[in-house]
C-alpha cells in the first residue's frame, strides 16, 4: 500500500511540474511576441521592422 501511495504522489507531482513548465514557456513566448509586435507592425521606417539599425539614425522620418 505504501508503494502505491509513493507512486501516486510521484505521478501527480510529475504532472504538476509538466503543466507548470508548459504554462511558463507559453507565457514567456507570448510576452516576447507581444513586445516584438509594435515594431513589426509599425511604420516601414522603423529600424527593427526594416531589419537594419546602422542607417536608422541617418534616414529621415
N, C-alpha and C. Protein backbone atom coordinates (compact mmCIF):
# COMPACT_ATOMS: atom_id res chain seq x y z
N UNK A 1 0.83 -1.20 0.00
CA UNK A 1 0.00 0.00 0.00
C UNK A 1 0.86 1.25 0.00
N UNK A 2 1.95 1.24 0.75
CA UNK A 2 2.83 2.42 0.80
C UNK A 2 3.49 2.66 -0.55
N UNK A 3 3.82 1.59 -1.26
CA UNK A 3 4.42 1.74 -2.59
C UNK A 3 3.42 2.39 -3.54
N UNK A 4 2.17 2.01 -3.44
CA UNK A 4 1.13 2.60 -4.29
C UNK A 4 0.99 4.10 -4.02
N UNK A 5 1.03 4.49 -2.76
CA UNK A 5 0.91 5.91 -2.40
C UNK A 5 2.12 6.68 -2.92
N UNK A 6 3.31 6.12 -2.80
CA UNK A 6 4.51 6.80 -3.29
C UNK A 6 4.45 6.97 -4.81
N UNK A 7 4.04 5.92 -5.51
CA UNK A 7 3.93 6.02 -6.96
C UNK A 7 2.86 7.04 -7.37
N UNK A 8 1.78 7.09 -6.66
CA UNK A 8 0.72 8.06 -6.96
C UNK A 8 1.22 9.49 -6.74
N UNK A 9 1.92 9.73 -5.66
CA UNK A 9 2.46 11.07 -5.38
C UNK A 9 3.47 11.47 -6.44
N UNK A 10 4.34 10.56 -6.84
CA UNK A 10 5.31 10.87 -7.89
C UNK A 10 4.62 11.16 -9.22
N UNK A 11 3.58 10.41 -9.53
CA UNK A 11 2.84 10.62 -10.78
C UNK A 11 2.17 11.99 -10.80
N UNK A 12 1.51 12.35 -9.71
CA UNK A 12 0.82 13.63 -9.64
C UNK A 12 1.82 14.78 -9.66
N UNK A 13 2.92 14.66 -8.93
CA UNK A 13 3.90 15.74 -8.91
C UNK A 13 4.57 15.89 -10.27
N UNK A 14 4.73 14.80 -10.99
CA UNK A 14 5.28 14.89 -12.34
C UNK A 14 4.36 15.66 -13.27
N UNK A 15 3.07 15.42 -13.17
CA UNK A 15 2.10 16.17 -13.99
C UNK A 15 2.10 17.65 -13.61
N UNK A 16 2.21 17.94 -12.32
CA UNK A 16 2.23 19.34 -11.87
C UNK A 16 3.45 20.05 -12.45
N UNK A 17 4.60 19.41 -12.41
CA UNK A 17 5.82 20.01 -12.96
C UNK A 17 5.66 20.21 -14.47
N UNK A 18 5.13 19.24 -15.17
CA UNK A 18 4.96 19.34 -16.62
C UNK A 18 4.03 20.50 -16.99
N UNK A 19 2.91 20.61 -16.29
CA UNK A 19 1.96 21.69 -16.58
C UNK A 19 2.58 23.05 -16.24
N UNK A 20 3.31 23.14 -15.14
CA UNK A 20 3.94 24.40 -14.75
C UNK A 20 4.96 24.84 -15.78
N UNK A 21 5.81 23.93 -16.24
CA UNK A 21 6.82 24.27 -17.24
C UNK A 21 6.15 24.72 -18.54
N UNK A 22 5.07 24.06 -18.94
CA UNK A 22 4.37 24.43 -20.16
C UNK A 22 3.76 25.83 -20.05
N UNK A 23 3.12 26.12 -18.93
CA UNK A 23 2.50 27.44 -18.74
C UNK A 23 3.55 28.54 -18.74
N UNK A 24 4.66 28.32 -18.07
CA UNK A 24 5.72 29.33 -18.02
C UNK A 24 6.29 29.56 -19.41
N UNK A 25 6.51 28.49 -20.17
CA UNK A 25 7.05 28.64 -21.52
C UNK A 25 6.08 29.40 -22.42
N UNK A 26 4.79 29.10 -22.31
CA UNK A 26 3.80 29.81 -23.13
C UNK A 26 3.73 31.29 -22.74
N UNK A 27 3.82 31.59 -21.47
CA UNK A 27 3.79 33.00 -21.03
C UNK A 27 5.00 33.75 -21.57
N UNK A 28 6.17 33.12 -21.49
CA UNK A 28 7.38 33.80 -22.00
C UNK A 28 7.28 34.03 -23.49
N UNK A 29 6.80 33.04 -24.24
CA UNK A 29 6.70 33.19 -25.69
C UNK A 29 5.69 34.27 -26.05
N UNK A 30 4.56 34.31 -25.32
CA UNK A 30 3.54 35.31 -25.60
C UNK A 30 4.05 36.72 -25.27
N UNK A 31 4.79 36.85 -24.16
CA UNK A 31 5.32 38.17 -23.79
C UNK A 31 6.38 38.62 -24.79
N UNK A 32 7.18 37.68 -25.29
CA UNK A 32 8.22 38.04 -26.25
C UNK A 32 7.59 38.46 -27.58
N UNK A 33 6.56 37.75 -28.02
CA UNK A 33 5.94 38.10 -29.29
C UNK A 33 5.15 39.40 -29.16
N UNK A 34 4.58 39.66 -27.99
CA UNK A 34 3.84 40.90 -27.80
C UNK A 34 4.78 42.10 -27.81
N UNK A 35 5.99 41.93 -27.27
CA UNK A 35 6.96 43.02 -27.26
C UNK A 35 7.50 43.27 -28.67
N UNK A 36 7.49 42.25 -29.52
CA UNK A 36 8.02 42.40 -30.86
C UNK A 36 6.98 42.94 -31.85
N UNK A 37 5.69 42.80 -31.52
CA UNK A 37 4.64 43.15 -32.47
C UNK A 37 4.61 44.63 -32.86
N UNK A 38 4.70 45.60 -31.95
CA UNK A 38 4.60 47.00 -32.38
C UNK A 38 5.68 47.41 -33.38
N UNK A 39 6.88 46.87 -33.22
CA UNK A 39 7.96 47.22 -34.15
C UNK A 39 7.70 46.62 -35.53
N UNK A 40 7.22 45.38 -35.54
CA UNK A 40 6.99 44.72 -36.84
C UNK A 40 5.77 45.31 -37.54
N UNK A 41 4.77 45.72 -36.78
CA UNK A 41 3.55 46.24 -37.38
C UNK A 41 3.60 47.75 -37.56
N UNK A 42 4.69 48.37 -37.10
CA UNK A 42 4.79 49.82 -37.18
C UNK A 42 5.10 50.31 -38.57
N UNK A 43 5.52 51.56 -38.65
CA UNK A 43 5.82 52.16 -39.95
C UNK A 43 7.03 51.47 -40.58
N UNK A 44 7.13 51.48 -41.90
CA UNK A 44 8.24 50.77 -42.55
C UNK A 44 9.59 51.40 -42.27
N UNK A 45 9.61 52.61 -41.73
CA UNK A 45 10.88 53.26 -41.42
C UNK A 45 11.46 52.80 -40.09
N UNK A 46 10.68 52.00 -39.35
CA UNK A 46 11.17 51.55 -38.05
C UNK A 46 12.39 50.66 -38.25
N UNK A 47 13.46 50.91 -37.52
CA UNK A 47 14.70 50.14 -37.75
C UNK A 47 14.52 48.65 -37.54
N UNK A 48 13.67 48.25 -36.57
CA UNK A 48 13.52 46.83 -36.32
C UNK A 48 12.69 46.17 -37.40
N UNK A 49 11.69 46.85 -37.92
CA UNK A 49 10.86 46.22 -38.95
C UNK A 49 11.60 46.17 -40.29
N UNK A 50 12.53 47.11 -40.51
CA UNK A 50 13.32 47.07 -41.74
C UNK A 50 14.46 46.08 -41.63
N UNK A 51 14.93 45.86 -40.42
CA UNK A 51 15.98 44.89 -40.21
C UNK A 51 17.36 45.50 -40.10
N UNK A 52 17.54 46.79 -40.42
CA UNK A 52 18.86 47.40 -40.31
C UNK A 52 18.83 48.46 -39.22
N UNK A 53 19.92 48.54 -38.47
CA UNK A 53 19.99 49.55 -37.41
C UNK A 53 21.07 50.58 -37.71
N UNK A 54 21.91 50.35 -38.72
CA UNK A 54 23.01 51.26 -38.98
C UNK A 54 22.52 52.56 -39.63
N UNK A 55 21.53 52.49 -40.51
CA UNK A 55 21.09 53.68 -41.24
C UNK A 55 19.86 54.32 -40.59
N UNK A 56 19.41 53.79 -39.44
CA UNK A 56 18.18 54.31 -38.87
C UNK A 56 18.36 55.74 -38.36
N UNK A 57 19.54 56.07 -37.84
CA UNK A 57 19.76 57.42 -37.32
C UNK A 57 19.97 58.41 -38.47
N UNK A 58 20.41 57.95 -39.61
CA UNK A 58 20.71 58.84 -40.73
C UNK A 58 19.46 59.10 -41.56
N UNK A 59 18.59 58.11 -41.69
CA UNK A 59 17.44 58.25 -42.58
C UNK A 59 16.43 59.23 -42.02
N UNK A 60 15.59 59.77 -42.89
CA UNK A 60 14.60 60.77 -42.50
C UNK A 60 13.42 60.14 -41.78
N UNK A 61 12.40 60.94 -41.50
CA UNK A 61 11.24 60.45 -40.75
C UNK A 61 10.40 59.48 -41.56
